[in-house]
Amino acid sequence: MPMTTGDLYRLAGDLAAEHGPAASDYASRAVMTLEAEGAHERAQFWFVMLVLLGDIHSGRVDPEGRISIH
């Protein structure tokens, strides 16, 4: 079963709650490592996490709220 946008958002919220700002560092390192290894789809997943984590940490989105993608 594929992940939904809501699943991604909840996962990013959980990562932010568990690891704080360090979660963005983990996601960034995962993107760089996976791209270097040629695992582009996996790197793309972590890039999405990095974007969502940035939004959460900057206060642009509420991890407890619902995400709406237009």
N, C-alpha and C. Protein backbone atom coordinates (compact mmCIF):
# COMPACT_ATOMS: atom_id res chain seq x y z
N MET A 1 0.85 -1.17 0.00
CA MET A 1 0.00 0.00 0.00
C MET A 1 0.90 1.25 0.00
N PRO A 2 0.71 2.14 -0.95
CA PRO A 2 1.54 3.36 -1.00
C PRO A 2 1.22 4.31 0.16
N MET A 3 2.21 5.12 0.49
CA MET A 3 2.02 6.13 1.53
C MET A 3 1.20 7.28 0.96
N THR A 4 0.32 7.81 1.79
CA THR A 4 -0.46 8.98 1.40
C THR A 4 0.26 10.24 1.84
N THR A 5 -0.23 11.37 1.38
CA THR A 5 0.32 12.65 1.82
C THR A 5 0.17 12.79 3.33
N GLY A 6 -0.97 12.36 3.85
CA GLY A 6 -1.19 12.40 5.29
C GLY A 6 -0.18 11.55 6.05
N ASP A 7 0.16 10.37 5.49
CA ASP A 7 1.17 9.51 6.11
C ASP A 7 2.52 10.20 6.18
N LEU A 8 2.91 10.84 5.08
CA LEU A 8 4.18 11.56 5.04
C LEU A 8 4.21 12.68 6.06
N TYR A 9 3.12 13.41 6.15
CA TYR A 9 3.01 14.53 7.07
C TYR A 9 3.10 14.05 8.52
N ARG A 10 2.40 12.96 8.84
CA ARG A 10 2.46 12.42 10.20
C ARG A 10 3.86 11.93 10.54
N LEU A 11 4.51 11.28 9.59
CA LEU A 11 5.87 10.80 9.82
C LEU A 11 6.82 11.97 10.07
N ALA A 12 6.70 13.02 9.27
CA ALA A 12 7.54 14.20 9.48
C ALA A 12 7.27 14.82 10.85
N GLY A 13 6.01 14.88 11.25
CA GLY A 13 5.65 15.41 12.57
C GLY A 13 6.24 14.57 13.68
N ASP A 14 6.19 13.25 13.53
CA ASP A 14 6.77 12.35 14.53
C ASP A 14 8.29 12.52 14.60
N LEU A 15 8.93 12.61 13.44
CA LEU A 15 10.39 12.81 13.43
C LEU A 15 10.77 14.13 14.10
N ALA A 16 10.01 15.19 13.81
CA ALA A 16 10.28 16.49 14.41
C ALA A 16 10.09 16.45 15.92
N ALA A 17 9.03 15.78 16.37
CA ALA A 17 8.77 15.69 17.81
C ALA A 17 9.84 14.86 18.51
N GLU A 18 10.29 13.81 17.87
CA GLU A 18 11.26 12.91 18.49
C GLU A 18 12.69 13.48 18.49
N HIS A 19 13.06 14.14 17.38
CA HIS A 19 14.47 14.54 17.21
C HIS A 19 14.70 16.04 17.14
N GLY A 20 13.64 16.82 17.10
CA GLY A 20 13.79 18.27 17.02
C GLY A 20 14.49 18.68 15.73
N PRO A 21 15.25 19.77 15.78
CA PRO A 21 15.94 20.25 14.58
C PRO A 21 16.94 19.25 13.99
N ALA A 22 17.41 18.32 14.79
CA ALA A 22 18.35 17.31 14.28
C ALA A 22 17.71 16.43 13.22
N ALA A 23 16.38 16.33 13.22
CA ALA A 23 15.69 15.51 12.22
C ALA A 23 15.99 16.02 10.81
N SER A 24 16.08 17.33 10.65
CA SER A 24 16.42 17.89 9.33
C SER A 24 17.84 17.51 8.93
N ASP A 25 18.75 17.48 9.88
CA ASP A 25 20.12 17.05 9.59
C ASP A 25 20.13 15.59 9.13
N TYR A 26 19.37 14.74 9.82
CA TYR A 26 19.31 13.32 9.44
C TYR A 26 18.76 13.17 8.03
N ALA A 27 17.69 13.90 7.74
CA ALA A 27 17.07 13.81 6.41
C ALA A 27 18.02 14.32 5.33
N SER A 28 18.72 15.41 5.61
CA SER A 28 19.66 15.97 4.64
C SER A 28 20.79 14.99 4.34
N ARG A 29 21.32 14.38 5.38
CA ARG A 29 22.39 13.40 5.19
C ARG A 29 21.89 12.19 4.41
N ALA A 30 20.65 11.78 4.68
CA ALA A 30 20.08 10.64 3.95
C ALA A 30 19.96 10.98 2.46
N VAL A 31 19.52 12.19 2.14
CA VAL A 31 19.40 12.60 0.74
C VAL A 31 20.77 12.52 0.05
N MET A 32 21.77 13.12 0.67
CA MET A 32 23.11 13.13 0.04
C MET A 32 23.68 11.73 -0.11
N THR A 33 23.54 10.91 0.91
CA THR A 33 24.08 9.55 0.86
C THR A 33 23.37 8.71 -0.19
N LEU A 34 22.05 8.76 -0.19
CA LEU A 34 21.29 7.95 -1.14
C LEU A 34 21.49 8.40 -2.58
N GLU A 35 21.59 9.71 -2.80
CA GLU A 35 21.89 10.20 -4.16
C GLU A 35 23.25 9.70 -4.62
N ALA A 36 24.24 9.75 -3.72
CA ALA A 36 25.58 9.30 -4.07
C ALA A 36 25.60 7.81 -4.39
N GLU A 37 24.72 7.05 -3.75
CA GLU A 37 24.63 5.61 -3.99
C GLU A 37 23.77 5.27 -5.20
N GLY A 38 23.12 6.28 -5.78
CA GLY A 38 22.27 6.04 -6.94
C GLY A 38 20.85 5.60 -6.59
N ALA A 39 20.49 5.70 -5.31
CA ALA A 39 19.15 5.30 -4.87
C ALA A 39 18.24 6.54 -4.93
N HIS A 40 17.91 6.96 -6.15
CA HIS A 40 17.22 8.23 -6.35
C HIS A 40 15.81 8.27 -5.78
N GLU A 41 15.07 7.17 -5.88
CA GLU A 41 13.71 7.17 -5.32
C GLU A 41 13.74 7.29 -3.81
N ARG A 42 14.65 6.59 -3.17
CA ARG A 42 14.77 6.69 -1.72
C ARG A 42 15.24 8.09 -1.32
N ALA A 43 16.14 8.66 -2.09
CA ALA A 43 16.60 10.02 -1.82
C ALA A 43 15.45 11.01 -1.96
N GLN A 44 14.60 10.79 -2.94
CA GLN A 44 13.45 11.67 -3.15
C GLN A 44 12.51 11.64 -1.94
N PHE A 45 12.29 10.46 -1.37
CA PHE A 45 11.47 10.34 -0.17
C PHE A 45 12.05 11.21 0.95
N TRP A 46 13.35 11.11 1.19
CA TRP A 46 13.97 11.87 2.27
C TRP A 46 14.00 13.36 1.96
N PHE A 47 14.04 13.72 0.68
CA PHE A 47 13.96 15.13 0.33
C PHE A 47 12.59 15.69 0.70
N VAL A 48 11.54 14.92 0.44
CA VAL A 48 10.19 15.34 0.84
C VAL A 48 10.14 15.50 2.36
N MET A 49 10.72 14.55 3.10
CA MET A 49 10.77 14.67 4.56
C MET A 49 11.51 15.95 4.97
N LEU A 50 12.60 16.25 4.29
CA LEU A 50 13.39 17.44 4.60
C LEU A 50 12.56 18.71 4.40
N VAL A 51 11.80 18.77 3.33
CA VAL A 51 10.93 19.93 3.07
C VAL A 51 9.87 20.05 4.15
N LEU A 52 9.20 18.95 4.47
CA LEU A 52 8.16 18.98 5.50
C LEU A 52 8.73 19.34 6.86
N LEU A 53 9.89 18.80 7.19
CA LEU A 53 10.53 19.13 8.47
C LEU A 53 10.88 20.62 8.53
N GLY A 54 11.37 21.16 7.43
CA GLY A 54 11.67 22.60 7.39
C GLY A 54 10.44 23.44 7.63
N ASP A 55 9.31 23.03 7.04
CA ASP A 55 8.05 23.75 7.25
C ASP A 55 7.61 23.65 8.71
N ILE A 56 7.77 22.49 9.30
CA ILE A 56 7.38 22.30 10.70
C ILE A 56 8.26 23.15 11.62
N HIS A 57 9.58 23.08 11.42
CA HIS A 57 10.50 23.80 12.30
C HIS A 57 10.39 25.32 12.16
N SER A 58 9.99 25.79 10.99
CA SER A 58 9.86 27.24 10.79
C SER A 58 8.50 27.77 11.25
N GLY A 59 7.60 26.85 11.59
CA GLY A 59 6.27 27.26 12.03
C GLY A 59 5.29 27.52 10.90
N ARG A 60 5.67 27.20 9.67
CA ARG A 60 4.76 27.41 8.54
C ARG A 60 3.59 26.45 8.55
N VAL A 61 3.80 25.28 9.13
CA VAL A 61 2.72 24.30 9.25
C VAL A 61 2.69 23.75 10.67
N ASP A 62 1.52 23.32 11.08
CA ASP A 62 1.32 22.73 12.39
C ASP A 62 1.31 21.21 12.24
N PRO A 63 2.27 20.52 12.85
CA PRO A 63 2.31 19.06 12.69
C PRO A 63 1.08 18.35 13.26
N GLU A 64 0.32 19.03 14.10
CA GLU A 64 -0.90 18.44 14.66
C GLU A 64 -2.11 18.69 13.75
N GLY A 65 -1.96 19.57 12.78
CA GLY A 65 -3.07 19.91 11.88
C GLY A 65 -3.11 19.01 10.66
N ARG A 66 -4.02 19.32 9.77
CA ARG A 66 -4.14 18.59 8.51
C ARG A 66 -3.39 19.34 7.43
N ILE A 67 -2.74 18.59 6.56
CA ILE A 67 -2.03 19.21 5.45
C ILE A 67 -2.97 19.26 4.25
N SER A 68 -2.85 20.34 3.51
CA SER A 68 -3.63 20.52 2.30
C SER A 68 -2.65 20.87 1.18
N ILE A 69 -2.66 20.05 0.14
CA ILE A 69 -1.76 20.30 -0.99
C ILE A 69 -2.62 20.75 -2.16
N HIS A 70 -2.24 21.87 -2.73
CA HIS A 70 -3.00 22.45 -3.84
C HIS A 70 -2.20 22.36 -5.11
